[in-house]
Every structure is written in structure tokens, then in C-alpha cells.
Amino acid sequence: MISRNNLSQKFQVLMDELSSKVSENREVAKEKLGDFIEHGLPPVQSDVVIATLNGILGDYLVQRDSRLKQEMAIRDQRQTLSFETDILSQQLSDCSERIVLCVHGWCMNDVQWKRKDHDHGRSLAKYGYTPIYLRYNTGLHISTNGEAFALMLERLIAAWPCQVKELVIIGHSMGGLVTRSACYYAQQHELDWLSTLRTFITLGTPHNGAPLAQLACWIDGRLADAPYLKTLNKLSEIRSSGTKDLSQGFVRHVDWEKAGQAPHLPGRPLLPEGVVCCAIASCLGQNLKDENNLKLGDGLVPVSSALGESTADQRALNYLDDNKWVGVGINHLDLLTHPQVTGKVEQWVLSNTTDTRDELPPSN
């Protein structure tokens, strides 16, 4: 039995060594950390710990074929959904022809959509939507996850027990980038599910990237909240492929394959055509006219990035004015629970549903 004190001591020794190694050779630091995670941690870890570790060095966990790597799956938060219609019918006995699919953010997983007794996906169930959730390794390249997600969703929609008339996707943080990547690769592979996508909403998604300093603070915060990981608060310089992509807003393979080598790459893919795309941003401060508040944004993502505005290197994503909303006094995680965010999500989804309003239950 490994005591908490012994774990803390081992972590402290590890951190002392990593502190001197990380600036010299990040790969050596990753190797040492990987060895400790694989052999020094207790055999069973919570989903929160696994999700956090995958965000920090999930690409390396895959390279090692680690027991802690987070596999991609589409779930209902209790079970992984099958791609066989007969089995899926048993798993989702009351599934409907309208789906809301939630894609979590960095260092998180599908279960963490439920926060403070609220879940954006399940809040739409009362309107006849079947909520399902993507789980993925947030340390992998965003484009790797995006293409895999696109192909997996094609299989799920094909196996759905009834005809899918409407698909809604809600992406929080990195989840919005993974979904944009999935839409791009769905077009490249000519997949059918894209034609069923009706509404796509991003919550605090860094379309233009997120400052590395804020990402480092986010890592430190996640580690401080996770059991056994409190002492790993100096690892902001050991960045996974997913973390690097998140800092730049990369959604295609070519973006990271040629990063720093090709200054005149084609502009980023725009929003998917024929889909109502909406973006929510937020500010910790109350004054939306204060440029410093806008740059800080929700504590992780600046407002301009969450709205996909133009930069010196990127064209704007061109969200319609009615499909953008900026909240105040809301941090990055509160985007998952805040009543005003919930209200905007439901308003956009219900105003754009394929069914007539007479067929829908009344909104609260």
C-alpha cells in the first residue's frame, strides 16, 4: 500500500530532478515522468486524474501504450456506445431522431460535462434531444482527434436505431477545435453525417489560440485539484501535442506539420457551410469596453479568440452577429453551468430545430 506521504515524497524528488532537466531536455523529462506515472502511481486512478494526465502528456502515453491513455469513444456517460444497431438499440432504448453531441475540453472527459448538477447536453433532453458525449485524449494533436472523430461519428450515425434528422454539437474549449477539425475532415472524406449537422455551438473555444502563460496557469490549476498530482505544478513547459495545437488554434494536420516552416500556408478552414454556427465567449471582468478584460477573457481564452475574429495571420471565421454572445463575470469552467450560457444554448438550438415549435415541449 502506497501512502499519500510516500507519494508526495516521491513526487517531490521527481520534481526536483525535472526542474533541472526540463529546460535542458524536455524529452528526458517526459521519459522520467512517464516512468513514474506508469510504475509509481497506484494501479487505479479516477477519471479526473486520467483526463488531466492525458491533457498534459497524452501523446506520450500513447507512444508508451500506457494503461492510463484515454481512448476515443462516443458515450452516454455510463457506457461506450456500440456501432452495431441491435446493441445500440438496447443501450439507448429511448433514443430520438434528434441528437445533441457534447465534446469536452482540454484535460477533461465526457463525465465532466456535469458540473454543479448541470449538463448542457441533458438540459436539452427535455426538448426531445438524445444527449451523447465524445471522450478523447486531449494530449494528441487536435487534427488527429478531429479526423478520428469524423470517421467515428459516421459509423455511429449509420448505426443509429432511427433516422437522424438533426445533429447538434456543443464544443467546450478544445472541443470546439476538435469539432471544427472533424467538420473539415468530414468534407475531405465526403462523409454523410455533416449533412445532418444543424447547429454547432462553441463555448470558450480558442479559435485563434490561447496564450501559453494562461495555459500554464490552467495546467497548474488542474494539477492542484487532482489527487496525487498536487506537486506537479512545474510542468507547464512539458507540453503535449494537443497543448501546442490549443495555443495556436490548429485544426488540420498541415497546420502543425509545417508550423514555423511555411509562412504562407492557406488560410484556416472557415465554418462548415449550411450549419448555424454560434460562439460564446466570456470575461472575468464586468467591463466589455476594457481592452485588458477582453484580452484576459475567461481566464484561459481571450474574447477575440473565442469569437474567431481576424488576426494579422488569420481571416475571421465570420460568425453572424446574432450568433455571438459575450458573458461577463464568467470563468472558463463556468461556461459549463452558467444560467445565461444555458439560456443562449437553448435559444439557438430551439430556434434552429428541424421540427416546428408546436411539436416541442415549452421552454422553461
Protein backbone atom coordinates (compact mmCIF):
# COMPACT_ATOMS: atom_id res chain seq x y z
CA MET A 1 0.00 0.00 0.00
CA ILE A 2 1.46 3.32 -1.08
CA SER A 3 0.80 6.06 1.46
CA ARG A 4 -0.02 9.59 0.46
CA ASN A 5 3.11 10.83 2.29
CA ASN A 6 5.33 8.41 0.37
CA LEU A 7 3.74 9.52 -2.90
CA SER A 8 4.33 13.16 -2.05
CA GLN A 9 7.96 12.46 -1.21
CA LYS A 10 8.48 10.55 -4.46
CA PHE A 11 6.81 13.33 -6.44
CA GLN A 12 9.00 15.93 -4.74
CA VAL A 13 12.16 14.02 -5.64
CA LEU A 14 10.87 13.69 -9.19
CA MET A 15 10.05 17.40 -9.40
CA ASP A 16 13.48 18.41 -8.10
CA GLU A 17 15.04 16.34 -10.88
CA LEU A 18 12.60 17.53 -13.51
CA SER A 19 13.16 21.16 -12.61
CA SER A 20 16.80 20.86 -13.64
CA LYS A 21 16.11 18.64 -16.66
CA VAL A 22 13.10 20.27 -18.28
CA SER A 23 14.93 23.29 -19.64
CA GLU A 24 17.77 21.12 -20.90
CA ASN A 25 15.84 18.26 -22.48
CA ARG A 26 12.07 18.05 -22.38
CA GLU A 27 12.04 14.54 -23.82
CA VAL A 28 14.22 13.28 -20.96
CA ALA A 29 11.83 14.95 -18.51
CA LYS A 30 8.86 13.30 -20.23
CA GLU A 31 10.57 9.93 -20.05
CA LYS A 32 11.17 10.22 -16.32
CA LEU A 33 7.66 11.47 -15.68
CA GLY A 34 6.22 8.69 -17.83
CA ASP A 35 8.13 6.06 -15.89
CA PHE A 36 6.86 7.43 -12.60
CA ILE A 37 3.25 7.68 -13.78
CA GLU A 38 3.34 4.16 -15.16
CA HIS A 39 5.03 2.47 -12.22
CA GLY A 40 4.84 4.85 -9.27
CA LEU A 41 1.12 5.65 -9.17
CA PRO A 42 -1.42 3.26 -7.67
CA PRO A 43 -2.96 0.92 -10.29
CA VAL A 44 -6.41 2.53 -10.16
CA GLN A 45 -6.90 6.21 -10.89
CA SER A 46 -10.02 8.36 -11.12
CA ASP A 47 -11.34 9.57 -14.46
CA VAL A 48 -10.36 13.12 -13.47
CA VAL A 49 -6.73 12.15 -12.88
CA ILE A 50 -6.58 10.18 -16.14
CA ALA A 51 -8.10 13.07 -18.11
CA THR A 52 -5.63 15.53 -16.58
CA LEU A 53 -2.61 13.33 -17.29
CA ASN A 54 -3.76 12.83 -20.88
CA GLY A 55 -4.04 16.56 -21.42
CA ILE A 56 -0.52 17.13 -20.15
CA LEU A 57 1.26 14.27 -21.93
CA GLY A 58 -1.37 12.12 -23.62
CA ASP A 59 0.67 11.81 -26.82
CA TYR A 60 3.49 10.30 -24.80
CA LEU A 61 1.11 7.92 -23.01
CA VAL A 62 0.02 6.63 -26.43
CA GLN A 63 3.65 6.16 -27.50
CA ARG A 64 4.21 4.08 -24.38
CA ASP A 65 0.91 2.22 -24.83
CA SER A 66 0.22 3.27 -21.24
CA ARG A 67 -2.54 1.82 -19.13
CA LEU A 68 -3.59 5.43 -18.48
CA LYS A 69 -4.10 6.56 -22.09
CA GLN A 70 -7.64 7.82 -22.74
CA GLU A 71 -9.17 6.10 -25.76
CA MET A 72 -11.62 7.88 -28.05
CA ALA A 73 -15.22 6.77 -27.65
CA ILE A 74 -18.74 8.11 -28.02
CA ARG A 75 -20.61 7.53 -24.77
CA ASP A 76 -23.75 8.33 -22.84
CA GLN A 77 -21.57 8.99 -19.75
CA ARG A 78 -22.28 5.50 -18.45
CA GLN A 79 -21.13 3.27 -21.28
CA THR A 80 -19.34 3.32 -24.61
CA LEU A 81 -21.87 3.24 -27.42
CA SER A 82 -21.77 0.44 -29.96
CA PHE A 83 -21.65 0.81 -33.75
CA GLU A 84 -24.00 -2.19 -34.07
CA THR A 85 -27.63 -1.14 -34.44
CA ASP A 86 -29.07 -4.01 -32.37
CA ILE A 87 -26.74 -3.34 -29.45
CA LEU A 88 -27.15 0.43 -29.73
CA SER A 89 -30.94 -0.01 -29.59
CA GLN A 90 -30.55 -1.76 -26.25
CA GLN A 91 -28.09 0.82 -24.93
CA LEU A 92 -30.31 3.76 -25.93
CA SER A 93 -33.80 2.28 -25.74
CA ASP A 94 -35.49 5.69 -25.94
CA CYS A 95 -33.20 7.39 -28.47
CA SER A 96 -34.74 10.03 -30.73
CA GLU A 97 -34.14 11.32 -34.24
CA ARG A 98 -32.54 14.44 -32.79
CA ILE A 99 -29.07 14.19 -31.20
CA VAL A 100 -27.03 16.63 -29.15
CA LEU A 101 -23.37 15.64 -29.02
CA CYS A 102 -21.10 17.31 -26.44
CA VAL A 103 -17.33 17.47 -26.99
CA HIS A 104 -15.32 18.22 -23.84
CA GLY A 105 -12.31 20.47 -23.43
CA TRP A 106 -8.65 20.08 -22.62
CA CYS A 107 -7.64 17.92 -19.62
CA MET A 108 -11.26 16.81 -19.24
CA ASN A 109 -13.58 13.96 -20.21
CA ASP A 110 -17.22 13.30 -21.06
CA VAL A 111 -18.38 12.85 -17.46
CA GLN A 112 -17.21 16.37 -16.59
CA TRP A 113 -19.95 17.95 -18.64
CA LYS A 114 -21.96 17.50 -15.45
CA ARG A 115 -20.89 20.29 -13.15
CA LYS A 116 -22.82 21.72 -10.21
CA ASP A 117 -25.74 19.43 -11.12
CA HIS A 118 -25.99 20.89 -14.63
CA ASP A 119 -25.20 19.35 -18.02
CA HIS A 120 -25.83 21.26 -21.27
CA GLY A 121 -26.50 18.00 -23.11
CA ARG A 122 -29.02 16.64 -20.65
CA SER A 123 -30.71 20.03 -20.34
CA LEU A 124 -31.77 19.61 -23.98
CA ALA A 125 -33.22 16.14 -23.34
CA LYS A 126 -36.48 17.73 -22.20
CA TYR A 127 -36.88 19.08 -25.74
CA GLY A 128 -36.58 15.64 -27.28
CA TYR A 129 -32.82 15.51 -27.93
CA THR A 130 -30.77 12.42 -27.10
CA PRO A 131 -27.56 13.56 -25.36
CA ILE A 132 -24.34 11.72 -26.18
CA TYR A 133 -20.72 12.63 -25.45
CA LEU A 134 -17.30 12.27 -27.07
CA ARG A 135 -14.39 11.15 -24.90
CA TYR A 136 -10.90 11.64 -26.34
CA ASN A 137 -7.23 12.04 -25.44
CA THR A 138 -6.68 15.81 -25.28
CA GLY A 139 -2.90 15.41 -25.44
CA LEU A 140 -3.00 14.20 -29.04
CA HIS A 141 -2.93 16.59 -31.99
CA ILE A 142 -6.30 18.27 -32.44
CA SER A 143 -6.37 17.25 -36.09
CA THR A 144 -5.65 13.62 -35.16
CA ASN A 145 -8.64 13.67 -32.84
CA GLY A 146 -10.73 15.61 -35.35
CA GLU A 147 -10.26 13.15 -38.20
CA ALA A 148 -10.82 10.14 -35.92
CA PHE A 149 -13.96 11.81 -34.51
CA ALA A 150 -15.31 12.45 -38.02
CA LEU A 151 -14.89 8.80 -39.01
CA MET A 152 -16.29 7.51 -35.72
CA LEU A 153 -19.36 9.74 -35.94
CA GLU A 154 -20.07 8.45 -39.44
CA ARG A 155 -20.24 4.91 -38.06
CA LEU A 156 -22.47 5.92 -35.16
CA ILE A 157 -24.97 7.83 -37.31
CA ALA A 158 -25.14 4.89 -39.72
CA ALA A 159 -25.92 2.55 -36.82
CA TRP A 160 -28.42 4.88 -35.09
CA PRO A 161 -31.65 2.93 -34.43
CA CYS A 162 -33.81 5.53 -36.19
CA GLN A 163 -33.21 8.04 -38.95
CA VAL A 164 -31.26 11.04 -37.66
CA LYS A 165 -32.97 14.25 -38.72
CA GLU A 166 -30.93 16.69 -36.67
CA LEU A 167 -27.49 16.74 -35.10
CA VAL A 168 -26.40 19.46 -32.68
CA ILE A 169 -22.79 19.65 -31.48
CA ILE A 170 -21.66 21.68 -28.47
CA GLY A 171 -17.91 22.02 -28.03
CA HIS A 172 -16.31 23.41 -24.90
CA SER A 173 -12.80 24.88 -25.22
CA MET A 174 -10.60 22.43 -27.19
CA GLY A 175 -13.79 20.53 -28.01
CA GLY A 176 -14.80 23.31 -30.40
CA LEU A 177 -11.49 22.99 -32.27
CA VAL A 178 -11.79 19.21 -32.43
CA THR A 179 -15.29 19.62 -33.87
CA ARG A 180 -14.15 22.18 -36.44
CA SER A 181 -11.41 19.73 -37.41
CA ALA A 182 -13.99 16.93 -37.67
CA CYS A 183 -16.13 19.08 -39.98
CA TYR A 184 -13.09 19.79 -42.15
CA TYR A 185 -12.18 16.10 -42.44
CA ALA A 186 -15.82 15.13 -42.98
CA GLN A 187 -15.70 17.33 -46.07
CA GLN A 188 -12.39 15.84 -47.15
CA HIS A 189 -13.71 12.28 -46.79
CA GLU A 190 -17.20 13.17 -48.12
CA LEU A 191 -18.91 11.80 -45.02
CA ASP A 192 -22.69 11.81 -44.75
CA TRP A 193 -23.11 12.96 -41.14
CA LEU A 194 -22.18 16.54 -41.97
CA SER A 195 -25.47 16.94 -43.84
CA THR A 196 -27.38 16.22 -40.60
CA LEU A 197 -25.42 18.81 -38.56
CA ARG A 198 -27.87 21.62 -37.90
CA THR A 199 -26.32 23.68 -35.09
CA PHE A 200 -22.73 23.92 -33.86
CA ILE A 201 -22.03 25.92 -30.70
CA THR A 202 -18.61 26.64 -29.18
CA LEU A 203 -18.11 27.64 -25.56
CA GLY A 204 -14.84 29.45 -24.85
CA THR A 205 -13.07 27.82 -27.79
CA PRO A 206 -9.66 29.36 -28.63
CA HIS A 207 -10.19 29.60 -32.39
CA ASN A 208 -7.18 31.92 -32.60
CA GLY A 209 -5.25 30.05 -29.93
CA ALA A 210 -4.74 30.73 -26.22
CA PRO A 211 -1.74 32.44 -24.60
CA LEU A 212 0.79 29.95 -23.28
CA ALA A 213 1.00 31.78 -19.97
CA GLN A 214 -2.70 31.25 -19.41
CA LEU A 215 -2.45 27.62 -20.48
CA ALA A 216 0.33 27.14 -17.91
CA CYS A 217 -1.89 28.58 -15.19
CA TRP A 218 -4.69 26.26 -16.31
CA ILE A 219 -2.35 23.24 -16.05
CA ASP A 220 -1.28 24.30 -12.56
CA GLY A 221 -4.91 24.66 -11.50
CA ARG A 222 -5.92 21.27 -12.86
CA LEU A 223 -2.98 19.56 -11.16
CA ALA A 224 -3.64 21.24 -7.83
CA ASP A 225 -7.20 19.86 -7.83
CA ALA A 226 -6.24 16.27 -8.71
CA PRO A 227 -5.30 13.70 -6.04
CA TYR A 228 -1.61 12.71 -6.02
CA LEU A 229 -0.80 15.40 -8.59
CA LYS A 230 -0.53 18.47 -6.39
CA THR A 231 3.24 18.65 -6.62
CA LEU A 232 3.31 18.52 -10.44
CA ASN A 233 2.76 22.25 -10.77
CA LYS A 234 6.02 22.98 -12.59
CA LEU A 235 5.27 21.04 -15.75
CA SER A 236 3.91 23.87 -17.88
CA GLU A 237 6.97 23.60 -20.10
CA ILE A 238 6.32 19.92 -20.87
CA ARG A 239 3.59 20.40 -23.43
CA SER A 240 1.70 17.68 -25.26
CA SER A 241 0.92 17.95 -28.96
CA GLY A 242 -2.66 18.86 -28.06
CA THR A 243 -1.50 21.65 -25.77
CA LYS A 244 0.69 23.12 -28.51
CA ASP A 245 -2.17 22.98 -31.02
CA LEU A 246 -4.52 24.58 -28.49
CA SER A 247 -2.14 27.50 -28.06
CA GLN A 248 -2.24 28.12 -31.83
CA GLY A 249 -5.77 27.09 -32.76
CA PHE A 250 -4.53 24.42 -35.21
CA VAL A 251 -7.24 22.13 -36.65
CA ARG A 252 -5.52 20.49 -39.66
CA HIS A 253 -2.53 18.18 -39.94
CA VAL A 254 -0.76 20.64 -42.22
CA ASP A 255 -1.01 23.37 -39.57
CA TRP A 256 1.32 21.62 -37.13
CA GLU A 257 3.33 19.59 -39.65
CA LYS A 258 4.66 22.78 -41.22
CA ALA A 259 4.41 25.15 -38.26
CA GLY A 260 7.22 27.68 -38.46
CA GLN A 261 8.29 26.47 -41.90
CA ALA A 262 5.67 27.80 -44.27
CA PRO A 263 4.63 31.38 -43.52
CA HIS A 264 2.15 31.44 -46.41
CA LEU A 265 0.03 28.40 -45.63
CA PRO A 266 -3.55 28.56 -46.94
CA GLY A 267 -5.89 30.30 -44.51
CA ARG A 268 -7.66 28.25 -41.89
CA PRO A 269 -10.88 26.44 -42.83
CA LEU A 270 -13.98 28.54 -42.33
CA LEU A 271 -17.10 27.38 -40.53
CA PRO A 272 -18.99 24.48 -42.17
CA GLU A 273 -21.46 25.61 -44.82
CA GLY A 274 -25.16 25.05 -44.27
CA VAL A 275 -24.71 24.88 -40.49
CA VAL A 276 -25.82 27.50 -37.98
CA CYS A 277 -22.59 28.18 -36.09
CA CYS A 278 -22.63 30.08 -32.80
CA ALA A 279 -19.86 31.20 -30.44
CA ILE A 280 -19.93 32.05 -26.76
CA ALA A 281 -17.10 33.98 -25.12
CA SER A 282 -16.81 35.34 -21.61
CA CYS A 283 -14.90 37.81 -19.49
CA LEU A 284 -13.85 37.56 -15.87
CA GLY A 285 -14.34 41.32 -15.58
CA GLN A 286 -17.58 43.23 -15.95
CA ASN A 287 -16.43 45.93 -18.38
CA LEU A 288 -16.52 44.79 -22.00
CA LYS A 289 -15.03 48.10 -23.11
CA ASP A 290 -11.83 47.45 -21.17
CA GLU A 291 -9.24 46.01 -23.57
CA ASN A 292 -7.38 44.27 -20.75
CA ASN A 293 -10.56 42.47 -19.71
CA LEU A 294 -11.10 41.31 -23.29
CA LYS A 295 -7.53 40.01 -23.55
CA LEU A 296 -7.84 38.10 -20.29
CA GLY A 297 -11.21 36.75 -21.35
CA ASP A 298 -12.46 33.83 -19.28
CA GLY A 299 -9.02 33.31 -17.71
CA LEU A 300 -7.87 30.94 -20.45
CA VAL A 301 -9.25 32.22 -23.76
CA PRO A 302 -9.33 35.88 -24.89
CA VAL A 303 -12.69 37.12 -26.15
CA SER A 304 -11.42 37.79 -29.68
CA SER A 305 -10.12 34.22 -29.90
CA ALA A 306 -13.38 32.70 -28.65
CA LEU A 307 -15.25 34.68 -31.32
CA GLY A 308 -12.82 33.73 -34.10
CA GLU A 309 -12.07 37.33 -35.04
CA SER A 310 -9.44 38.17 -37.65
CA THR A 311 -5.77 38.44 -36.73
CA ALA A 312 -2.64 39.52 -38.59
CA ASP A 313 -2.23 35.91 -39.77
CA GLN A 314 -5.79 34.59 -39.90
CA ARG A 315 -9.04 35.62 -41.52
CA ALA A 316 -12.14 35.88 -39.36
CA LEU A 317 -14.42 32.89 -39.03
CA ASN A 318 -17.31 35.26 -39.75
CA TYR A 319 -19.83 34.31 -37.11
CA LEU A 320 -23.07 36.23 -37.67
CA ASP A 321 -23.66 38.97 -35.10
CA ASP A 322 -26.81 37.24 -33.82
CA ASN A 323 -24.78 34.06 -33.32
CA LYS A 324 -22.17 35.60 -30.99
CA TRP A 325 -22.57 36.26 -27.29
CA VAL A 326 -20.17 37.53 -24.62
CA GLY A 327 -20.89 36.99 -20.95
CA VAL A 328 -19.36 38.88 -18.04
CA GLY A 329 -18.12 37.57 -14.71
CA ILE A 330 -17.94 34.01 -16.09
CA ASN A 331 -14.77 31.92 -15.99
CA HIS A 332 -13.77 29.15 -18.37
CA LEU A 333 -15.34 26.30 -16.38
CA ASP A 334 -18.45 28.30 -15.51
CA LEU A 335 -19.31 28.22 -19.20
CA LEU A 336 -20.49 24.68 -18.42
CA THR A 337 -23.02 25.81 -15.82
CA HIS A 338 -23.90 29.48 -16.00
CA PRO A 339 -27.67 30.08 -16.45
CA GLN A 340 -27.12 32.76 -19.09
CA VAL A 341 -24.96 30.38 -21.13
CA THR A 342 -27.62 27.68 -20.80
CA GLY A 343 -30.25 30.15 -21.96
CA LYS A 344 -28.28 31.12 -25.08
CA VAL A 345 -27.55 27.49 -25.96
CA GLU A 346 -31.20 26.51 -25.68
CA GLN A 347 -32.34 29.62 -27.57
CA TRP A 348 -30.03 28.94 -30.52
CA VAL A 349 -30.79 25.22 -30.66
CA LEU A 350 -34.57 25.56 -30.41
CA SER A 351 -34.81 28.45 -32.85
CA ASN A 352 -32.95 26.36 -35.41
CA THR A 353 -34.50 22.94 -34.84
CA THR A 354 -35.75 20.98 -37.83
CA ASP A 355 -39.06 20.38 -36.07
CA THR A 356 -41.76 23.01 -35.72
CA ARG A 357 -42.03 24.74 -32.38
CA ASP A 358 -45.54 23.28 -31.91
CA GLU A 359 -44.00 19.82 -31.67
CA LEU A 360 -41.55 20.81 -28.96
CA PRO A 361 -42.24 20.98 -25.22
CA PRO A 362 -42.44 24.55 -23.93
CA SER A 363 -39.17 26.16 -22.83
CA ASN A 364 -38.80 26.95 -19.14
